[in-house]
Amino acid sequence: MDIGADTIRRWHVEDNGWSDIGYHFVVRRNGTIERGRDMETVGAHVAGHNKHSIGVCWVGGYQGIDNRTKEQKTSMATLIYLLKKMFPDADVLGHRDFHGVAKSCPSYNVKTELS
């Protein structure tokens, strides 16, 4: 489905009772990058690691299927490039790459593709 930051924000606030969307950025199917939380605000995207990370969500994928669009891949690469310029020592990781997090997403290897 093609949803954006507003829909995810509504889920996180209304369904989870959070103060805002958990992610700092959302990459839509058409490649549009939408802002979520302000980067100065701690996110809610990976339990135990939010204080020292920036949360980026790409829309799509389901049960291990990598269905990112060409536009999403291009936008994600650009966003990661810009974030790495801001935080040069940062590691680029997927949900599944964080120690102690029982997640299998995303459906591709972030460390090899985007680092």
PDB file of N, CA and C in Angstrom:
ATOM      1  N   MET A   1       0.832  -1.180   0.000  1.00  0.00           N
ATOM      2  CA  MET A   1       0.000   0.000   0.000  1.00  0.00           C
ATOM      3  C   MET A   1       0.873   1.238   0.000  1.00  0.00           C
ATOM      4  N   ASP A   2       0.365   2.303  -0.513  1.00  0.00           N
ATOM      5  CA  ASP A   2       1.117   3.556  -0.554  1.00  0.00           C
ATOM      6  C   ASP A   2       0.545   4.499   0.494  1.00  0.00           C
ATOM      7  N   ILE A   3       1.197   4.526   1.621  1.00  0.00           N
ATOM      8  CA  ILE A   3       0.796   5.418   2.710  1.00  0.00           C
ATOM      9  C   ILE A   3       1.927   6.393   2.959  1.00  0.00           C
ATOM     10  N   GLY A   4       1.638   7.412   3.732  1.00  0.00           N
ATOM     11  CA  GLY A   4       2.657   8.397   4.031  1.00  0.00           C
ATOM     12  C   GLY A   4       2.783   8.651   5.516  1.00  0.00           C
ATOM     13  N   ALA A   5       3.567   9.657   5.845  1.00  0.00           N
ATOM     14  CA  ALA A   5       3.847   9.994   7.235  1.00  0.00           C
ATOM     15  C   ALA A   5       2.569  10.313   8.011  1.00  0.00           C
ATOM     16  N   ASP A   6       1.607  10.969   7.379  1.00  0.00           N
ATOM     17  CA  ASP A   6       0.370  11.328   8.092  1.00  0.00           C
ATOM     18  C   ASP A   6      -0.399  10.087   8.553  1.00  0.00           C
ATOM     19  N   THR A   7      -0.483   9.088   7.692  1.00  0.00           N
ATOM     20  CA  THR A   7      -1.187   7.853   8.053  1.00  0.00           C
ATOM     21  C   THR A   7      -0.437   7.113   9.156  1.00  0.00           C
ATOM     22  N   ILE A   8       0.867   6.998   9.016  1.00  0.00           N
ATOM     23  CA  ILE A   8       1.665   6.317  10.039  1.00  0.00           C
ATOM     24  C   ILE A   8       1.585   7.088  11.358  1.00  0.00           C
ATOM     25  N   ARG A   9       1.630   8.405  11.280  1.00  0.00           N
ATOM     26  CA  ARG A   9       1.504   9.233  12.487  1.00  0.00           C
ATOM     27  C   ARG A   9       0.172   8.935  13.196  1.00  0.00           C
ATOM     28  N   ARG A  10      -0.896   8.861  12.429  1.00  0.00           N
ATOM     29  CA  ARG A  10      -2.209   8.568  13.010  1.00  0.00           C
ATOM     30  C   ARG A  10      -2.196   7.200  13.702  1.00  0.00           C
ATOM     31  N   TRP A  11      -1.614   6.186  13.055  1.00  0.00           N
ATOM     32  CA  TRP A  11      -1.515   4.864  13.676  1.00  0.00           C
ATOM     33  C   TRP A  11      -0.731   4.934  14.981  1.00  0.00           C
ATOM     34  N   HIS A  12       0.407   5.597  14.935  1.00  0.00           N
ATOM     35  CA  HIS A  12       1.270   5.649  16.116  1.00  0.00           C
ATOM     36  C   HIS A  12       0.642   6.433  17.260  1.00  0.00           C
ATOM     37  N   VAL A  13      -0.030   7.514  16.932  1.00  0.00           N
ATOM     38  CA  VAL A  13      -0.644   8.347  17.980  1.00  0.00           C
ATOM     39  C   VAL A  13      -1.950   7.726  18.478  1.00  0.00           C
ATOM     40  N   GLU A  14      -2.865   7.393  17.566  1.00  0.00           N
ATOM     41  CA  GLU A  14      -4.183   6.899  17.970  1.00  0.00           C
ATOM     42  C   GLU A  14      -4.156   5.451  18.454  1.00  0.00           C
ATOM     43  N   ASP A  15      -3.413   4.597  17.748  1.00  0.00           N
ATOM     44  CA  ASP A  15      -3.412   3.173  18.100  1.00  0.00           C
ATOM     45  C   ASP A  15      -2.395   2.837  19.195  1.00  0.00           C
ATOM     46  N   ASN A  16      -1.221   3.476  19.142  1.00  0.00           N
ATOM     47  CA  ASN A  16      -0.159   3.155  20.101  1.00  0.00           C
ATOM     48  C   ASN A  16      -0.132   4.099  21.297  1.00  0.00           C
ATOM     49  N   GLY A  17      -0.780   5.255  21.167  1.00  0.00           N
ATOM     50  CA  GLY A  17      -0.761   6.228  22.243  1.00  0.00           C
ATOM     51  C   GLY A  17       0.541   7.003  22.350  1.00  0.00           C
ATOM     52  N   TRP A  18       1.320   7.019  21.268  1.00  0.00           N
ATOM     53  CA  TRP A  18       2.586   7.744  21.271  1.00  0.00           C
ATOM     54  C   TRP A  18       2.322   9.225  21.051  1.00  0.00           C
ATOM     55  N   SER A  19       3.330  10.038  21.305  1.00  0.00           N
ATOM     56  CA  SER A  19       3.185  11.485  21.139  1.00  0.00           C
ATOM     57  C   SER A  19       3.256  11.908  19.676  1.00  0.00           C
ATOM     58  N   ASP A  20       3.840  11.078  18.815  1.00  0.00           N
ATOM     59  CA  ASP A  20       4.036  11.432  17.403  1.00  0.00           C
ATOM     60  C   ASP A  20       4.392  10.173  16.631  1.00  0.00           C
ATOM     61  N   ILE A  21       4.597  10.302  15.343  1.00  0.00           N
ATOM     62  CA  ILE A  21       5.100   9.213  14.518  1.00  0.00           C
ATOM     63  C   ILE A  21       6.459   8.779  15.076  1.00  0.00           C
ATOM     64  N   GLY A  22       6.750   7.509  14.995  1.00  0.00           N
ATOM     65  CA  GLY A  22       8.007   7.004  15.541  1.00  0.00           C
ATOM     66  C   GLY A  22       9.222   7.306  14.686  1.00  0.00           C
ATOM     67  N   TYR A  23       9.036   7.500  13.390  1.00  0.00           N
ATOM     68  CA  TYR A  23      10.136   7.685  12.445  1.00  0.00           C
ATOM     69  C   TYR A  23      10.444   9.156  12.216  1.00  0.00           C
ATOM     70  N   HIS A  24      11.654   9.414  11.809  1.00  0.00           N
ATOM     71  CA  HIS A  24      12.061  10.766  11.443  1.00  0.00           C
ATOM     72  C   HIS A  24      11.800  11.049   9.965  1.00  0.00           C
ATOM     73  N   PHE A  25      11.834   9.998   9.142  1.00  0.00           N
ATOM     74  CA  PHE A  25      11.595  10.137   7.703  1.00  0.00           C
ATOM     75  C   PHE A  25      10.799   8.938   7.201  1.00  0.00           C
ATOM     76  N   VAL A  26       9.963   9.174   6.198  1.00  0.00           N
ATOM     77  CA  VAL A  26       9.201   8.115   5.523  1.00  0.00           C
ATOM     78  C   VAL A  26       9.456   8.271   4.030  1.00  0.00           C
ATOM     79  N   VAL A  27       9.853   7.169   3.375  1.00  0.00           N
ATOM     80  CA  VAL A  27      10.084   7.182   1.929  1.00  0.00           C
ATOM     81  C   VAL A  27       8.913   6.465   1.264  1.00  0.00           C
ATOM     82  N   ARG A  28       8.122   7.232   0.534  1.00  0.00           N
ATOM     83  CA  ARG A  28       6.922   6.703  -0.115  1.00  0.00           C
ATOM     84  C   ARG A  28       7.259   5.935  -1.382  1.00  0.00           C
ATOM     85  N   ARG A  29       6.270   5.248  -1.925  1.00  0.00           N
ATOM     86  CA  ARG A  29       6.445   4.403  -3.116  1.00  0.00           C
ATOM     87  C   ARG A  29       6.942   5.205  -4.320  1.00  0.00           C
ATOM     88  N   ASN A  30       6.516   6.470  -4.431  1.00  0.00           N
ATOM     89  CA  ASN A  30       6.933   7.293  -5.580  1.00  0.00           C
ATOM     90  C   ASN A  30       8.279   7.982  -5.334  1.00  0.00           C
ATOM     91  N   GLY A  31       8.910   7.682  -4.196  1.00  0.00           N
ATOM     92  CA  GLY A  31      10.217   8.254  -3.889  1.00  0.00           C
ATOM     93  C   GLY A  31      10.175   9.532  -3.068  1.00  0.00           C
ATOM     94  N   THR A  32       8.982  10.051  -2.825  1.00  0.00           N
ATOM     95  CA  THR A  32       8.861  11.256  -2.007  1.00  0.00           C
ATOM     96  C   THR A  32       9.339  10.956  -0.592  1.00  0.00           C
ATOM     97  N   ILE A  33      10.177  11.832  -0.063  1.00  0.00           N
ATOM     98  CA  ILE A  33      10.648  11.700   1.311  1.00  0.00           C
ATOM     99  C   ILE A  33       9.833  12.657   2.168  1.00  0.00           C
ATOM    100  N   GLU A  34       9.127  12.099   3.135  1.00  0.00           N
ATOM    101  CA  GLU A  34       8.306  12.907   4.029  1.00  0.00           C
ATOM    102  C   GLU A  34       8.951  12.959   5.405  1.00  0.00           C
ATOM    103  N   ARG A  35       8.818  14.119   6.046  1.00  0.00           N
ATOM    104  CA  ARG A  35       9.349  14.298   7.398  1.00  0.00           C
ATOM    105  C   ARG A  35       8.399  13.679   8.406  1.00  0.00           C
ATOM    106  N   GLY A  36       8.985  13.065   9.411  1.00  0.00           N
ATOM    107  CA  GLY A  36       8.234  12.557  10.543  1.00  0.00           C
ATOM    108  C   GLY A  36       8.555  13.426  11.735  1.00  0.00           C
ATOM    109  N   ARG A  37       9.082  12.811  12.776  1.00  0.00           N
ATOM    110  CA  ARG A  37       9.523  13.565  13.949  1.00  0.00           C
ATOM    111  C   ARG A  37      10.697  14.450  13.573  1.00  0.00           C
ATOM    112  N   ASP A  38      10.849  15.525  14.313  1.00  0.00           N
ATOM    113  CA  ASP A  38      12.028  16.359  14.159  1.00  0.00           C
ATOM    114  C   ASP A  38      13.247  15.532  14.561  1.00  0.00           C
ATOM    115  N   MET A  39      14.349  15.707  13.863  1.00  0.00           N
ATOM    116  CA  MET A  39      15.538  14.909  14.163  1.00  0.00           C
ATOM    117  C   MET A  39      16.097  15.187  15.556  1.00  0.00           C
ATOM    118  N   GLU A  40      15.758  16.308  16.132  1.00  0.00           N
ATOM    119  CA  GLU A  40      16.210  16.625  17.490  1.00  0.00           C
ATOM    120  C   GLU A  40      15.405  15.873  18.550  1.00  0.00           C
ATOM    121  N   THR A  41      14.294  15.277  18.142  1.00  0.00           N
ATOM    122  CA  THR A  41      13.423  14.549  19.060  1.00  0.00           C
ATOM    123  C   THR A  41      13.720  13.059  18.958  1.00  0.00           C
ATOM    124  N   VAL A  42      13.894  12.410  20.101  1.00  0.00           N
ATOM    125  CA  VAL A  42      14.150  10.972  20.114  1.00  0.00           C
ATOM    126  C   VAL A  42      12.987  10.258  19.440  1.00  0.00           C
ATOM    127  N   GLY A  43      13.310   9.333  18.556  1.00  0.00           N
ATOM    128  CA  GLY A  43      12.292   8.583  17.827  1.00  0.00           C
ATOM    129  C   GLY A  43      11.726   7.425  18.631  1.00  0.00           C
ATOM    130  N   ALA A  44      10.877   6.671  17.988  1.00  0.00           N
ATOM    131  CA  ALA A  44      10.277   5.461  18.565  1.00  0.00           C
ATOM    132  C   ALA A  44      10.235   4.425  17.448  1.00  0.00           C
ATOM    133  N   HIS A  45      11.402   3.952  17.057  1.00  0.00           N
ATOM    134  CA  HIS A  45      11.475   3.073  15.892  1.00  0.00           C
ATOM    135  C   HIS A  45      12.248   1.782  16.134  1.00  0.00           C
ATOM    136  N   VAL A  46      13.119   1.749  17.137  1.00  0.00           N
ATOM    137  CA  VAL A  46      13.835   0.505  17.442  1.00  0.00           C
ATOM    138  C   VAL A  46      14.134   0.479  18.943  1.00  0.00           C
ATOM    139  N   ALA A  47      13.375  -0.340  19.647  1.00  0.00           N
ATOM    140  CA  ALA A  47      13.439  -0.389  21.113  1.00  0.00           C
ATOM    141  C   ALA A  47      14.881  -0.547  21.602  1.00  0.00           C
ATOM    142  N   GLY A  48      15.235   0.298  22.552  1.00  0.00           N
ATOM    143  CA  GLY A  48      16.560   0.243  23.149  1.00  0.00           C
ATOM    144  C   GLY A  48      17.633   1.008  22.401  1.00  0.00           C
ATOM    145  N   HIS A  49      17.296   1.547  21.231  1.00  0.00           N
ATOM    146  CA  HIS A  49      18.302   2.222  20.402  1.00  0.00           C
ATOM    147  C   HIS A  49      17.835   3.583  19.898  1.00  0.00           C
ATOM    148  N   ASN A  50      16.699   4.052  20.364  1.00  0.00           N
ATOM    149  CA  ASN A  50      16.130   5.292  19.837  1.00  0.00           C
ATOM    150  C   ASN A  50      16.937   6.534  20.162  1.00  0.00           C
ATOM    151  N   LYS A  51      17.597   6.565  21.303  1.00  0.00           N
ATOM    152  CA  LYS A  51      18.307   7.765  21.733  1.00  0.00           C
ATOM    153  C   LYS A  51      19.507   8.098  20.850  1.00  0.00           C
ATOM    154  N   HIS A  52      20.004   7.121  20.135  1.00  0.00           N
ATOM    155  CA  HIS A  52      21.191   7.361  19.316  1.00  0.00           C
ATOM    156  C   HIS A  52      20.998   6.922  17.862  1.00  0.00           C
ATOM    157  N   SER A  53      19.801   7.124  17.347  1.00  0.00           N
ATOM    158  CA  SER A  53      19.554   6.737  15.959  1.00  0.00           C
ATOM    159  C   SER A  53      18.501   7.637  15.314  1.00  0.00           C
ATOM    160  N   ILE A  54      18.502   7.629  13.993  1.00  0.00           N
ATOM    161  CA  ILE A  54      17.516   8.333  13.179  1.00  0.00           C
ATOM    162  C   ILE A  54      16.680   7.250  12.501  1.00  0.00           C
ATOM    163  N   GLY A  55      15.369   7.321  12.672  1.00  0.00           N
ATOM    164  CA  GLY A  55      14.484   6.308  12.113  1.00  0.00           C
ATOM    165  C   GLY A  55      13.996   6.674  10.725  1.00  0.00           C
ATOM    166  N   VAL A  56      14.242   5.770   9.766  1.00  0.00           N
ATOM    167  CA  VAL A  56      13.796   5.955   8.390  1.00  0.00           C
ATOM    168  C   VAL A  56      12.939   4.753   8.017  1.00  0.00           C
ATOM    169  N   CYS A  57      11.757   5.014   7.500  1.00  0.00           N
ATOM    170  CA  CYS A  57      10.827   3.969   7.111  1.00  0.00           C
ATOM    171  C   CYS A  57      10.589   4.041   5.602  1.00  0.00           C
ATOM    172  N   TRP A  58      10.691   2.921   4.922  1.00  0.00           N
ATOM    173  CA  TRP A  58      10.268   2.901   3.523  1.00  0.00           C
ATOM    174  C   TRP A  58       8.950   2.148   3.455  1.00  0.00           C
ATOM    175  N   VAL A  59       8.035   2.665   2.675  1.00  0.00           N
ATOM    176  CA  VAL A  59       6.692   2.115   2.569  1.00  0.00           C
ATOM    177  C   VAL A  59       6.706   0.953   1.584  1.00  0.00           C
ATOM    178  N   GLY A  60       6.189  -0.172   2.022  1.00  0.00           N
ATOM    179  CA  GLY A  60       6.122  -1.349   1.164  1.00  0.00           C
ATOM    180  C   GLY A  60       6.746  -2.538   1.856  1.00  0.00           C
ATOM    181  N   GLY A  61       6.927  -3.588   1.105  1.00  0.00           N
ATOM    182  CA  GLY A  61       7.478  -4.814   1.667  1.00  0.00           C
ATOM    183  C   GLY A  61       6.428  -5.525   2.497  1.00  0.00           C
ATOM    184  N   TYR A  62       6.483  -6.823   2.469  1.00  0.00           N
ATOM    185  CA  TYR A  62       5.536  -7.606   3.237  1.00  0.00           C
ATOM    186  C   TYR A  62       6.090  -9.009   3.406  1.00  0.00           C
ATOM    187  N   GLN A  63       6.221  -9.438   4.633  1.00  0.00           N
ATOM    188  CA  GLN A  63       6.679 -10.795   4.946  1.00  0.00           C
ATOM    189  C   GLN A  63       7.895 -11.201   4.127  1.00  0.00           C
ATOM    190  N   GLY A  64       8.924 -10.372   4.172  1.00  0.00           N
ATOM    191  CA  GLY A  64      10.181 -10.716   3.528  1.00  0.00           C
ATOM    192  C   GLY A  64      10.266 -10.418   2.046  1.00  0.00           C
ATOM    193  N   ILE A  65       9.255  -9.788   1.473  1.00  0.00           N
ATOM    194  CA  ILE A  65       9.271  -9.463   0.043  1.00  0.00           C
ATOM    195  C   ILE A  65       9.827  -8.055  -0.147  1.00  0.00           C
ATOM    196  N   ASP A  66      10.873  -7.957  -0.933  1.00  0.00           N
ATOM    197  CA  ASP A  66      11.470  -6.659  -1.242  1.00  0.00           C
ATOM    198  C   ASP A  66      10.810  -6.115  -2.499  1.00  0.00           C
ATOM    199  N   ASN A  67       9.866  -5.208  -2.327  1.00  0.00           N
ATOM    200  CA  ASN A  67       9.171  -4.655  -3.488  1.00  0.00           C
ATOM    201  C   ASN A  67       9.395  -3.147  -3.602  1.00  0.00           C
ATOM    202  N   ARG A  68      10.566  -2.686  -3.151  1.00  0.00           N
ATOM    203  CA  ARG A  68      10.869  -1.266  -3.277  1.00  0.00           C
ATOM    204  C   ARG A  68      10.868  -0.857  -4.747  1.00  0.00           C
ATOM    205  N   THR A  69      10.408   0.348  -4.976  1.00  0.00           N
ATOM    206  CA  THR A  69      10.421   0.884  -6.330  1.00  0.00           C
ATOM    207  C   THR A  69      11.792   1.487  -6.622  1.00  0.00           C
ATOM    208  N   LYS A  70      12.050   1.693  -7.898  1.00  0.00           N
ATOM    209  CA  LYS A  70      13.294   2.357  -8.318  1.00  0.00           C
ATOM    210  C   LYS A  70      13.389   3.739  -7.661  1.00  0.00           C
ATOM    211  N   GLU A  71      12.258   4.429  -7.610  1.00  0.00           N
ATOM    212  CA  GLU A  71      12.218   5.768  -7.010  1.00  0.00           C
ATOM    213  C   GLU A  71      12.551   5.721  -5.520  1.00  0.00           C
ATOM    214  N   GLN A  72      12.045   4.714  -4.834  1.00  0.00           N
ATOM    215  CA  GLN A  72      12.357   4.572  -3.411  1.00  0.00           C
ATOM    216  C   GLN A  72      13.847   4.304  -3.204  1.00  0.00           C
ATOM    217  N   LYS A  73      14.408   3.437  -4.011  1.00  0.00           N
ATOM    218  CA  LYS A  73      15.830   3.118  -3.871  1.00  0.00           C
ATOM    219  C   LYS A  73      16.688   4.358  -4.083  1.00  0.00           C
ATOM    220  N   THR A  74      16.344   5.144  -5.088  1.00  0.00           N
ATOM    221  CA  THR A  74      17.096   6.369  -5.369  1.00  0.00           C
ATOM    222  C   THR A  74      16.955   7.363  -4.217  1.00  0.00           C
ATOM    223  N   SER A  75      15.733   7.578  -3.757  1.00  0.00           N
ATOM    224  CA  SER A  75      15.502   8.524  -2.665  1.00  0.00           C
ATOM    225  C   SER A  75      16.160   8.067  -1.374  1.00  0.00           C
ATOM    226  N   MET A  76      16.082   6.777  -1.083  1.00  0.00           N
ATOM    227  CA  MET A  76      16.699   6.264   0.137  1.00  0.00           C
ATOM    228  C   MET A  76      18.211   6.444   0.089  1.00  0.00           C
ATOM    229  N   ALA A  77      18.815   6.160  -1.054  1.00  0.00           N
ATOM    230  CA  ALA A  77      20.269   6.335  -1.189  1.00  0.00           C
ATOM    231  C   ALA A  77      20.650   7.804  -0.987  1.00  0.00           C
ATOM    232  N   THR A  78      19.857   8.704  -1.531  1.00  0.00           N
ATOM    233  CA  THR A  78      20.121  10.138  -1.371  1.00  0.00           C
ATOM    234  C   THR A  78      19.968  10.552   0.088  1.00  0.00           C
ATOM    235  N   LEU A  79      18.904  10.103   0.735  1.00  0.00           N
ATOM    236  CA  LEU A  79      18.678  10.446   2.140  1.00  0.00           C
ATOM    237  C   LEU A  79      19.805   9.914   3.017  1.00  0.00           C
ATOM    238  N   ILE A  80      20.207   8.684   2.804  1.00  0.00           N
ATOM    239  CA  ILE A  80      21.292   8.103   3.606  1.00  0.00           C
ATOM    240  C   ILE A  80      22.592   8.861   3.362  1.00  0.00           C
ATOM    241  N   TYR A  81      22.848   9.236   2.121  1.00  0.00           N
ATOM    242  CA  TYR A  81      24.041  10.029   1.802  1.00  0.00           C
ATOM    243  C   TYR A  81      24.042  11.338   2.606  1.00  0.00           C
ATOM    244  N   LEU A  82      22.915  12.027   2.620  1.00  0.00           N
ATOM    245  CA  LEU A  82      22.814  13.297   3.348  1.00  0.00           C
ATOM    246  C   LEU A  82      22.950  13.091   4.855  1.00  0.00           C
ATOM    247  N   LEU A  83      22.328  12.051   5.381  1.00  0.00           N
ATOM    248  CA  LEU A  83      22.437  11.780   6.809  1.00  0.00           C
ATOM    249  C   LEU A  83      23.866  11.399   7.194  1.00  0.00           C
ATOM    250  N   LYS A  84      24.541  10.652   6.329  1.00  0.00           N
ATOM    251  CA  LYS A  84      25.934  10.284   6.606  1.00  0.00           C
ATOM    252  C   LYS A  84      26.846  11.514   6.593  1.00  0.00           C
ATOM    253  N   LYS A  85      26.517  12.516   5.793  1.00  0.00           N
ATOM    254  CA  LYS A  85      27.288  13.762   5.814  1.00  0.00           C
ATOM    255  C   LYS A  85      27.099  14.481   7.153  1.00  0.00           C
ATOM    256  N   MET A  86      25.900  14.374   7.710  1.00  0.00           N
ATOM    257  CA  MET A  86      25.611  14.997   9.007  1.00  0.00           C
ATOM    258  C   MET A  86      26.198  14.185  10.162  1.00  0.00           C
ATOM    259  N   PHE A  87      26.191  12.865  10.007  1.00  0.00           N
ATOM    260  CA  PHE A  87      26.638  11.952  11.058  1.00  0.00           C
ATOM    261  C   PHE A  87      27.639  10.965  10.453  1.00  0.00           C
ATOM    262  N   PRO A  88      28.869  11.429  10.159  1.00  0.00           N
ATOM    263  CA  PRO A  88      29.819  10.604   9.407  1.00  0.00           C
ATOM    264  C   PRO A  88      30.221   9.299  10.081  1.00  0.00           C
ATOM    265  N   ASP A  89      30.128   9.203  11.376  1.00  0.00           N
ATOM    266  CA  ASP A  89      30.523   7.977  12.070  1.00  0.00           C
ATOM    267  C   ASP A  89      29.363   7.008  12.284  1.00  0.00           C
ATOM    268  N   ALA A  90      28.195   7.362  11.790  1.00  0.00           N
ATOM    269  CA  ALA A  90      27.008   6.529  12.003  1.00  0.00           C
ATOM    270  C   ALA A  90      27.070   5.250  11.178  1.00  0.00           C
ATOM    271  N   ASP A  91      26.547   4.180  11.757  1.00  0.00           N
ATOM    272  CA  ASP A  91      26.348   2.929  11.029  1.00  0.00           C
ATOM    273  C   ASP A  91      24.962   2.982  10.404  1.00  0.00           C
ATOM    274  N   VAL A  92      24.833   2.398   9.237  1.00  0.00           N
ATOM    275  CA  VAL A  92      23.536   2.319   8.572  1.00  0.00           C
ATOM    276  C   VAL A  92      23.049   0.882   8.750  1.00  0.00           C
ATOM    277  N   LEU A  93      21.940   0.745   9.488  1.00  0.00           N
ATOM    278  CA  LEU A  93      21.437  -0.572   9.856  1.00  0.00           C
ATOM    279  C   LEU A  93      19.951  -0.696   9.590  1.00  0.00           C
ATOM    280  N   GLY A  94      19.511  -1.900   9.359  1.00  0.00           N
ATOM    281  CA  GLY A  94      18.094  -2.197   9.283  1.00  0.00           C
ATOM    282  C   GLY A  94      17.600  -2.636  10.649  1.00  0.00           C
ATOM    283  N   HIS A  95      16.304  -2.704  10.818  1.00  0.00           N
ATOM    284  CA  HIS A  95      15.713  -3.160  12.078  1.00  0.00           C
ATOM    285  C   HIS A  95      16.382  -4.447  12.548  1.00  0.00           C
ATOM    286  N   ARG A  96      16.518  -5.388  11.632  1.00  0.00           N
ATOM    287  CA  ARG A  96      17.021  -6.721  11.969  1.00  0.00           C
ATOM    288  C   ARG A  96      18.479  -6.735  12.390  1.00  0.00           C
ATOM    289  N   ASP A  97      19.198  -5.645  12.150  1.00  0.00           N
ATOM    290  CA  ASP A  97      20.625  -5.594  12.453  1.00  0.00           C
ATOM    291  C   ASP A  97      20.936  -5.128  13.872  1.00  0.00           C
ATOM    292  N   PHE A  98      19.940  -4.655  14.599  1.00  0.00           N
ATOM    293  CA  PHE A  98      20.170  -4.173  15.958  1.00  0.00           C
ATOM    294  C   PHE A  98      20.172  -5.334  16.936  1.00  0.00           C
ATOM    295  N   HIS A  99      21.179  -5.362  17.784  1.00  0.00           N
ATOM    296  CA  HIS A  99      21.293  -6.410  18.794  1.00  0.00           C
ATOM    297  C   HIS A  99      20.103  -6.363  19.749  1.00  0.00           C
ATOM    298  N   GLY A 100      19.504  -7.511  19.978  1.00  0.00           N
ATOM    299  CA  GLY A 100      18.402  -7.592  20.916  1.00  0.00           C
ATOM    300  C   GLY A 100      17.044  -7.241  20.344  1.00  0.00           C
ATOM    301  N   VAL A 101      16.968  -7.006  19.044  1.00  0.00           N
ATOM    302  CA  VAL A 101      15.695  -6.652  18.411  1.00  0.00           C
ATOM    303  C   VAL A 101      15.222  -7.845  17.580  1.00  0.00           C
ATOM    304  N   ALA A 102      14.056  -8.360  17.904  1.00  0.00           N
ATOM    305  CA  ALA A 102      13.515  -9.539  17.215  1.00  0.00           C
ATOM    306  C   ALA A 102      12.664  -9.108  16.023  1.00  0.00           C
ATOM    307  N   LYS A 103      13.305  -8.573  15.012  1.00  0.00           N
ATOM    308  CA  LYS A 103      12.611  -8.131  13.794  1.00  0.00           C
ATOM    309  C   LYS A 103      13.324  -8.743  12.591  1.00  0.00           C
ATOM    310  N   SER A 104      12.595  -9.021  11.540  1.00  0.00           N
ATOM    311  CA  SER A 104      13.206  -9.568  10.329  1.00  0.00           C
ATOM    312  C   SER A 104      13.226  -8.547   9.191  1.00  0.00           C
ATOM    313  N   CYS A 105      12.733  -7.348   9.462  1.00  0.00           N
ATOM    314  CA  CYS A 105      12.689  -6.336   8.419  1.00  0.00           C
ATOM    315  C   CYS A 105      13.951  -5.477   8.468  1.00  0.00           C
ATOM    316  N   PRO A 106      14.279  -4.822   7.403  1.00  0.00           N
ATOM    317  CA  PRO A 106      13.583  -4.887   6.123  1.00  0.00           C
ATOM    318  C   PRO A 106      13.952  -6.153   5.361  1.00  0.00           C
ATOM    319  N   SER A 107      13.414  -6.293   4.203  1.00  0.00           N
ATOM    320  CA  SER A 107      13.575  -7.516   3.417  1.00  0.00           C
ATOM    321  C   SER A 107      14.804  -7.474   2.505  1.00  0.00           C
ATOM    322  N   TYR A 108      15.747  -6.613   2.825  1.00  0.00           N
ATOM    323  CA  TYR A 108      17.008  -6.554   2.086  1.00  0.00           C
ATOM    324  C   TYR A 108      18.104  -6.201   3.076  1.00  0.00           C
ATOM    325  N   ASN A 109      19.358  -6.396   2.679  1.00  0.00           N
ATOM    326  CA  ASN A 109      20.477  -6.174   3.577  1.00  0.00           C
ATOM    327  C   ASN A 109      20.913  -4.710   3.526  1.00  0.00           C
ATOM    328  N   VAL A 110      20.464  -3.942   4.499  1.00  0.00           N
ATOM    329  CA  VAL A 110      20.746  -2.508   4.560  1.00  0.00           C
ATOM    330  C   VAL A 110      22.246  -2.251   4.655  1.00  0.00           C
ATOM    331  N   LYS A 111      22.951  -3.043   5.467  1.00  0.00           N
ATOM    332  CA  LYS A 111      24.373  -2.808   5.692  1.00  0.00           C
ATOM    333  C   LYS A 111      25.189  -2.886   4.405  1.00  0.00           C
ATOM    334  N   THR A 112      24.848  -3.820   3.531  1.00  0.00           N
ATOM    335  CA  THR A 112      25.618  -3.941   2.295  1.00  0.00           C
ATOM    336  C   THR A 112      25.119  -3.011   1.198  1.00  0.00           C
ATOM    337  N   GLU A 113      23.830  -2.725   1.198  1.00  0.00           N
ATOM    338  CA  GLU A 113      23.265  -1.916   0.116  1.00  0.00           C
ATOM    339  C   GLU A 113      23.385  -0.416   0.335  1.00  0.00           C
ATOM    340  N   LEU A 114      23.292   0.050   1.578  1.00  0.00           N
ATOM    341  CA  LEU A 114      23.217   1.486   1.818  1.00  0.00           C
ATOM    342  C   LEU A 114      24.385   2.080   2.604  1.00  0.00           C
ATOM    343  N   SER A 115      25.277   1.274   3.096  1.00  0.00           N
ATOM    344  CA  SER A 115      26.389   1.807   3.880  1.00  0.00           C
ATOM    345  C   SER A 115      27.456   2.415   3.020  1.00  0.00           C
TER     346      SER A 115
END
